[in-house]
Structure formats: structure tokens, C-alpha cells
Amino acid sequence: MIPGLVSASLLRNASGGAGPHAAAFLARTSGLDATHTNAYINFINGLDTFNLFAKMDSVKMYFTQDSATALLNLVSTNYGSTIINTPVFTADRGFTSGTNGGINDNFDPITATSPIYAQNSAHCSVFSVTDPGESSIAIFGSISSVETEIYPRYTDGNAYFRCNSSNIAGVVNGSPIGHFISNRPNSTTVEGYIAGARVLNNTGAASGVPADHGFSFGAGISGPLVSPHQLGATTIGGGLTTTDAANLYSLVRAFATAVGVP
């Protein structure tokens, strides 16, 4: 088995099929083929197996069969994503901005009912599918005086991470492709993860009250900006342990592999 990937056999429930959370999600979909149905079953069962389901407010698999399914929140009937203007959807690869398009996640940690995402325990993650080169636009997040966002590869060649903070720190990163997590485990620390491994531990990042507006693809103050990236997947929720981060990466990577993402 490829390191970091989870065997599908480990993610089936005792009866060999969809667990309750996976079944509830599939009941909200229509027309999924066997490949995508199994990918969702394995992914959502895996969230349960690793006790990650309860740590999530919003989970979106944008690299899926069709755009209607892509906009659904896998862990709740709340916070379905909405399209702004005309982003371009590519089956099993996700959304790109086109000339003026974006995606609103519609999760706002201030107005949400009983959010898991909190000032001192929070994360967001993304899967960036393509390499647009260096970019000064965050691929995903929520930006105000206090910010949460991810820059897979900024114009200086670094990946940058904020999570409920104004202080930002980065690490050299050669490629903007792959899975990135911006994580706040406590009131003073922001962590950055790439491909399930912690690459940044910024202990000088005091937390602030989260911004009072939704997360977006191509994060902006009033909404999404045009982003050069292709957005494959996102999660928003509570703070993660290093084990959680590795497991989340494994599950997202396994889904991506199942639908043909290199």
C-alpha cells in the first residue's frame, strides 16, 4: 500500500457497506456511478473510523462526478456551497475561477449554529489540483482583520498559513499541488501541514475572534477573488492533532486517487 493511503477495506462498516453518515449523504445525491459512490462511502466511513466526522463543520469534495454533488456538504445539510458568477467545473478535478468566478462555502463561524470551528481550536484544509505557479491570492479561507487562509505557493516560493490570526508564517514549498492544512490547536499556535506532515509550527500566533463572514475559494474580505488554482476539496472544523492531520490527508488522497486525480 502506498504510504499515507488508507486501505478501502479498513473503511467499510461491519456489514461491508455505507455507515449511517455515508448513507445519509448518499441519500442527498442522484445519479452517482459506482466509482464515486464507493469513494464517498470509503471517505465518510473513514471520517467515522478516525473520529474526524465530529470535528468537521464543512467538508466538500469538489473533484467529483458533477457540480451539483460537488457543492454538497458531506457532514451536514447546512453550509452547501454556492457558485459566484461563472467558475469552471471539470468532472473529477474541481473548480477553477475562469474569468470572474468563485465559490462561497457559506460557513460563517460567527453566525453558524453550534460551530465546531472556534477561536482557539480550528482548521481549514484544501486540495490544490493544478500548478498555476506562484500566486499572491489565497486558494481558500476567510479574510478580515483576523484571517484564516492557505497560500499553497506565494510569490516568494513559500507556502503560508493563518488560522484565526494576523501573524503569518511560511515554509519553502516547491509545488502548489496537493493537500494543505492550516491548523490552530491552541491560543498561541498555528500549524501548517502538507501531504499530512507538519511543516510549520508557528508558536507566536496569538488567536483572534474569527471573521464574521463565510469562507471562500480565492479568499477575500467581501467574497471570493479570481484564483489561478483548481480547487479539489476543502474542510473546515475544529483543531486537529498531528494524527488527525495525517489521517485526513490519507482519506482525501484516497478519494482523489479513486476518481483519477494524479
Protein backbone atom coordinates (compact mmCIF):
# COMPACT_ATOMS: atom_id res chain seq x y z
CA MET A 1 0.00 0.00 0.00
CA ILE A 2 1.27 3.50 -0.84
CA PRO A 3 2.47 5.26 2.33
CA GLY A 4 -0.14 7.66 3.64
CA LEU A 5 -3.05 5.93 1.89
CA VAL A 6 -5.76 4.04 3.72
CA SER A 7 -6.89 0.62 2.60
CA ALA A 8 -10.53 0.77 1.49
CA SER A 9 -11.17 -2.48 3.36
CA LEU A 10 -10.45 -0.66 6.62
CA LEU A 11 -13.11 1.94 5.95
CA ARG A 12 -16.15 -0.28 5.40
CA ASN A 13 -18.53 -0.78 8.29
CA ALA A 14 -19.16 -4.18 9.79
CA SER A 15 -21.73 -5.06 7.10
CA GLY A 16 -19.31 -4.11 4.33
CA GLY A 17 -21.24 -1.05 3.11
CA ALA A 18 -22.09 2.54 3.90
CA GLY A 19 -22.23 3.53 7.53
CA PRO A 20 -25.05 5.81 8.76
CA HIS A 21 -23.27 9.06 7.89
CA ALA A 22 -22.28 7.83 4.43
CA ALA A 23 -25.78 6.56 3.77
CA ALA A 24 -27.31 9.87 4.86
CA PHE A 25 -25.06 11.76 2.44
CA LEU A 26 -25.71 9.40 -0.47
CA ALA A 27 -29.46 9.85 0.05
CA ARG A 28 -28.97 13.53 -0.86
CA THR A 29 -27.26 12.68 -4.18
CA SER A 30 -28.57 11.50 -7.53
CA GLY A 31 -27.01 9.56 -10.39
CA LEU A 32 -23.64 8.74 -8.88
CA ASP A 33 -21.85 5.86 -10.55
CA ALA A 34 -20.23 3.01 -8.62
CA THR A 35 -16.77 4.60 -8.61
CA HIS A 36 -17.99 7.78 -6.95
CA THR A 37 -20.44 6.03 -4.64
CA ASN A 38 -17.65 3.80 -3.31
CA ALA A 39 -15.28 6.76 -2.99
CA TYR A 40 -17.81 8.61 -0.83
CA ILE A 41 -18.55 5.52 1.27
CA ASN A 42 -14.87 4.93 1.96
CA PHE A 43 -14.20 8.60 2.67
CA ILE A 44 -17.12 9.21 5.05
CA ASN A 45 -16.74 5.86 6.78
CA GLY A 46 -13.10 6.82 7.21
CA LEU A 47 -14.05 10.11 8.86
CA ASP A 48 -16.01 8.00 11.36
CA THR A 49 -13.23 5.44 11.78
CA PHE A 50 -10.72 8.12 12.68
CA ASN A 51 -13.16 10.19 14.79
CA LEU A 52 -12.89 13.08 12.34
CA PHE A 53 -16.55 13.37 11.37
CA ALA A 54 -17.38 15.04 14.70
CA LYS A 55 -14.58 17.58 14.17
CA MET A 56 -15.99 18.91 10.88
CA ASP A 57 -18.40 21.74 10.10
CA SER A 58 -17.96 21.63 6.33
CA VAL A 59 -16.45 19.03 4.01
CA LYS A 60 -16.57 19.48 0.23
CA MET A 61 -15.27 17.08 -2.41
CA TYR A 62 -15.19 19.32 -5.46
CA PHE A 63 -13.30 16.77 -7.57
CA THR A 64 -16.34 14.60 -8.15
CA GLN A 65 -18.78 13.46 -10.83
CA ASP A 66 -20.92 16.58 -11.27
CA SER A 67 -21.16 20.15 -9.99
CA ALA A 68 -24.41 19.64 -8.07
CA THR A 69 -22.83 16.91 -5.95
CA ALA A 70 -19.63 18.93 -5.59
CA LEU A 71 -21.47 21.75 -3.80
CA LEU A 72 -22.92 19.49 -1.09
CA ASN A 73 -21.57 19.45 2.45
CA LEU A 74 -20.73 15.83 3.25
CA VAL A 75 -21.18 16.19 7.02
CA SER A 76 -24.35 18.31 7.23
CA THR A 77 -27.35 19.53 5.28
CA ASN A 78 -26.18 23.05 6.23
CA TYR A 79 -23.49 25.14 4.51
CA GLY A 80 -23.82 23.90 0.98
CA SER A 81 -21.52 25.87 -1.30
CA THR A 82 -22.82 28.38 -3.83
CA ILE A 83 -21.36 29.46 -7.14
CA ILE A 84 -20.47 33.13 -7.65
CA ASN A 85 -20.51 34.27 -11.29
CA THR A 86 -19.02 31.64 -13.60
CA PRO A 87 -16.34 29.35 -12.15
CA VAL A 88 -15.50 26.42 -14.42
CA PHE A 89 -16.27 22.90 -13.19
CA THR A 90 -14.27 19.97 -14.52
CA ALA A 91 -15.50 16.49 -13.59
CA ASP A 92 -13.20 14.75 -11.11
CA ARG A 93 -10.89 17.77 -10.93
CA GLY A 94 -12.95 20.56 -9.32
CA PHE A 95 -13.47 24.27 -9.88
CA THR A 96 -11.32 26.99 -11.41
CA SER A 97 -12.23 30.66 -11.38
CA GLY A 98 -12.46 31.24 -15.11
CA THR A 99 -12.60 34.99 -15.79
CA ASN A 100 -14.54 36.07 -12.70
CA GLY A 101 -15.89 33.07 -10.82
CA GLY A 102 -15.67 31.88 -7.25
CA ILE A 103 -17.21 29.59 -4.65
CA ASN A 104 -18.68 30.58 -1.30
CA ASP A 105 -18.53 27.79 1.27
CA ASN A 106 -21.28 29.55 3.27
CA PHE A 107 -19.88 28.52 6.64
CA ASP A 108 -19.53 31.57 8.90
CA PRO A 109 -18.12 30.64 12.33
CA ILE A 110 -19.85 33.61 13.99
CA THR A 111 -23.39 33.05 12.69
CA ALA A 112 -23.27 29.24 12.49
CA THR A 113 -25.36 27.24 14.98
CA SER A 114 -23.08 25.42 17.46
CA PRO A 115 -19.97 25.58 15.27
CA ILE A 116 -17.09 23.22 15.94
CA TYR A 117 -14.66 25.75 14.48
CA ALA A 118 -13.65 28.00 17.40
CA GLN A 119 -11.20 30.79 18.16
CA ASN A 120 -8.64 28.52 19.83
CA SER A 121 -9.44 25.23 18.08
CA ALA A 122 -9.86 25.43 14.33
CA HIS A 123 -8.61 24.29 10.95
CA CYS A 124 -9.21 24.60 7.26
CA SER A 125 -7.77 22.41 4.53
CA VAL A 126 -7.64 22.34 0.75
CA PHE A 127 -6.58 20.08 -2.08
CA SER A 128 -4.97 22.08 -4.88
CA VAL A 129 -5.18 20.04 -8.09
CA THR A 130 -3.05 22.01 -10.58
CA ASP A 131 0.13 24.07 -10.62
CA PRO A 132 -0.60 27.69 -11.61
CA GLY A 133 2.84 28.79 -10.46
CA GLU A 134 3.36 31.26 -7.64
CA SER A 135 0.34 33.35 -6.62
CA SER A 136 -0.41 36.16 -4.17
CA ILE A 137 -4.05 35.02 -3.87
CA ALA A 138 -5.03 32.57 -1.15
CA ILE A 139 -6.65 29.43 -2.51
CA PHE A 140 -9.20 29.27 0.34
CA GLY A 141 -10.08 30.98 3.58
CA SER A 142 -11.76 33.88 5.33
CA ILE A 143 -10.01 37.24 5.37
CA SER A 144 -10.66 40.23 7.63
CA SER A 145 -8.60 41.87 10.39
CA VAL A 146 -8.31 38.28 11.69
CA GLU A 147 -7.63 35.78 8.93
CA THR A 148 -7.71 32.09 8.14
CA GLU A 149 -6.27 31.09 4.78
CA ILE A 150 -3.81 28.99 2.84
CA TYR A 151 -1.36 30.12 0.16
CA PRO A 152 -0.01 26.92 -1.47
CA ARG A 153 2.92 28.76 -3.07
CA TYR A 154 3.20 32.52 -2.65
CA THR A 155 5.24 34.78 -4.93
CA ASP A 156 8.35 34.18 -2.80
CA GLY A 157 8.14 30.39 -3.15
CA ASN A 158 6.76 29.79 0.35
CA ALA A 159 3.53 28.16 1.47
CA TYR A 160 1.78 30.38 4.06
CA PHE A 161 -0.77 29.52 6.73
CA ARG A 162 -3.03 31.59 9.01
CA CYS A 163 -5.76 30.35 11.32
CA ASN A 164 -7.69 32.94 13.37
CA SER A 165 -4.63 35.16 13.41
CA SER A 166 -2.97 38.22 11.95
CA ASN A 167 0.53 36.81 12.37
CA ILE A 168 1.54 34.73 9.34
CA ALA A 169 4.41 32.33 8.82
CA GLY A 170 5.54 30.25 5.90
CA VAL A 171 7.80 27.49 4.73
CA VAL A 172 9.57 26.92 1.42
CA ASN A 173 7.39 24.81 -0.87
CA GLY A 174 8.30 23.73 -4.37
CA SER A 175 4.83 22.86 -5.65
CA PRO A 176 1.31 24.24 -5.03
CA ILE A 177 -0.23 20.87 -5.89
CA GLY A 178 -1.55 18.66 -3.10
CA HIS A 179 -3.18 18.75 0.32
CA PHE A 180 -2.63 21.66 2.72
CA ILE A 181 -3.94 22.21 6.26
CA SER A 182 -3.89 25.41 8.31
CA ASN A 183 -4.46 24.36 11.90
CA ARG A 184 -4.89 26.08 15.26
CA PRO A 185 -4.51 23.63 18.16
CA ASN A 186 -4.47 26.30 20.91
CA SER A 187 -4.49 30.04 21.59
CA THR A 188 -0.87 30.70 20.55
CA THR A 189 -0.03 28.27 17.77
CA VAL A 190 -0.71 27.91 14.06
CA GLU A 191 0.49 24.78 12.29
CA GLY A 192 0.91 24.11 8.59
CA TYR A 193 0.65 20.64 7.07
CA ILE A 194 1.48 19.50 3.56
CA ALA A 195 0.59 15.94 2.48
CA GLY A 196 -0.21 15.01 6.08
CA ALA A 197 3.15 16.08 7.51
CA ARG A 198 3.60 19.09 9.77
CA VAL A 199 5.95 21.52 8.04
CA LEU A 200 5.29 24.61 10.17
CA ASN A 201 4.83 25.18 13.91
CA ASN A 202 4.34 28.93 14.50
CA THR A 203 4.06 29.35 18.28
CA GLY A 204 3.91 33.16 18.10
CA ALA A 205 0.47 33.43 16.52
CA ALA A 206 -1.98 34.72 19.14
CA SER A 207 -5.58 33.94 18.25
CA GLY A 208 -8.27 36.45 17.43
CA VAL A 209 -12.05 36.27 17.09
CA PRO A 210 -12.84 34.62 13.74
CA ALA A 211 -14.00 36.81 10.88
CA ASP A 212 -17.78 37.25 10.60
CA HIS A 213 -18.26 36.09 7.02
CA GLY A 214 -18.10 32.87 5.07
CA PHE A 215 -15.08 31.04 3.75
CA SER A 216 -14.46 31.21 0.02
CA PHE A 217 -12.36 29.89 -2.85
CA GLY A 218 -9.90 32.67 -3.58
CA ALA A 219 -10.42 34.18 -0.12
CA GLY A 220 -11.39 37.85 0.01
CA ILE A 221 -12.80 40.32 2.51
CA SER A 222 -16.20 40.63 0.84
CA GLY A 223 -16.21 37.37 -1.09
CA PRO A 224 -14.14 35.23 -3.43
CA LEU A 225 -11.42 36.62 -5.66
CA VAL A 226 -10.39 35.21 -9.01
CA SER A 227 -7.94 32.43 -8.15
CA PRO A 228 -5.49 30.72 -10.51
CA HIS A 229 -5.78 27.45 -8.61
CA GLN A 230 -8.03 24.47 -9.27
CA LEU A 231 -9.90 23.63 -6.08
CA GLY A 232 -10.39 19.91 -5.47
CA ALA A 233 -11.54 19.65 -1.85
CA THR A 234 -11.95 21.64 1.37
CA THR A 235 -12.65 21.05 5.04
CA ILE A 236 -13.45 23.43 7.90
CA GLY A 237 -13.74 22.42 11.53
CA GLY A 238 -12.08 22.14 14.90
CA GLY A 239 -8.39 21.90 15.70
CA LEU A 240 -6.60 18.73 14.62
CA THR A 241 -3.89 16.64 16.24
CA THR A 242 -0.90 15.57 14.18
CA THR A 243 -2.53 12.13 13.87
CA ASP A 244 -5.79 13.72 12.75
CA ALA A 245 -3.96 15.70 10.07
CA ALA A 246 -2.22 12.61 8.74
CA ASN A 247 -5.48 10.66 8.68
CA LEU A 248 -7.37 13.48 6.97
CA TYR A 249 -4.73 13.66 4.27
CA SER A 250 -4.88 9.89 3.78
CA LEU A 251 -8.65 9.98 3.30
CA VAL A 252 -8.64 12.94 0.91
CA ARG A 253 -5.75 11.46 -1.07
CA ALA A 254 -7.55 8.10 -1.30
CA PHE A 255 -10.69 9.83 -2.64
CA ALA A 256 -8.61 11.77 -5.17
CA THR A 257 -6.90 8.58 -6.31
CA ALA A 258 -10.24 6.78 -6.66
CA VAL A 259 -11.56 9.44 -9.07
CA GLY A 260 -8.33 9.60 -11.07
CA VAL A 261 -6.54 12.67 -9.68
CA PRO A 262 -2.77 12.18 -10.10
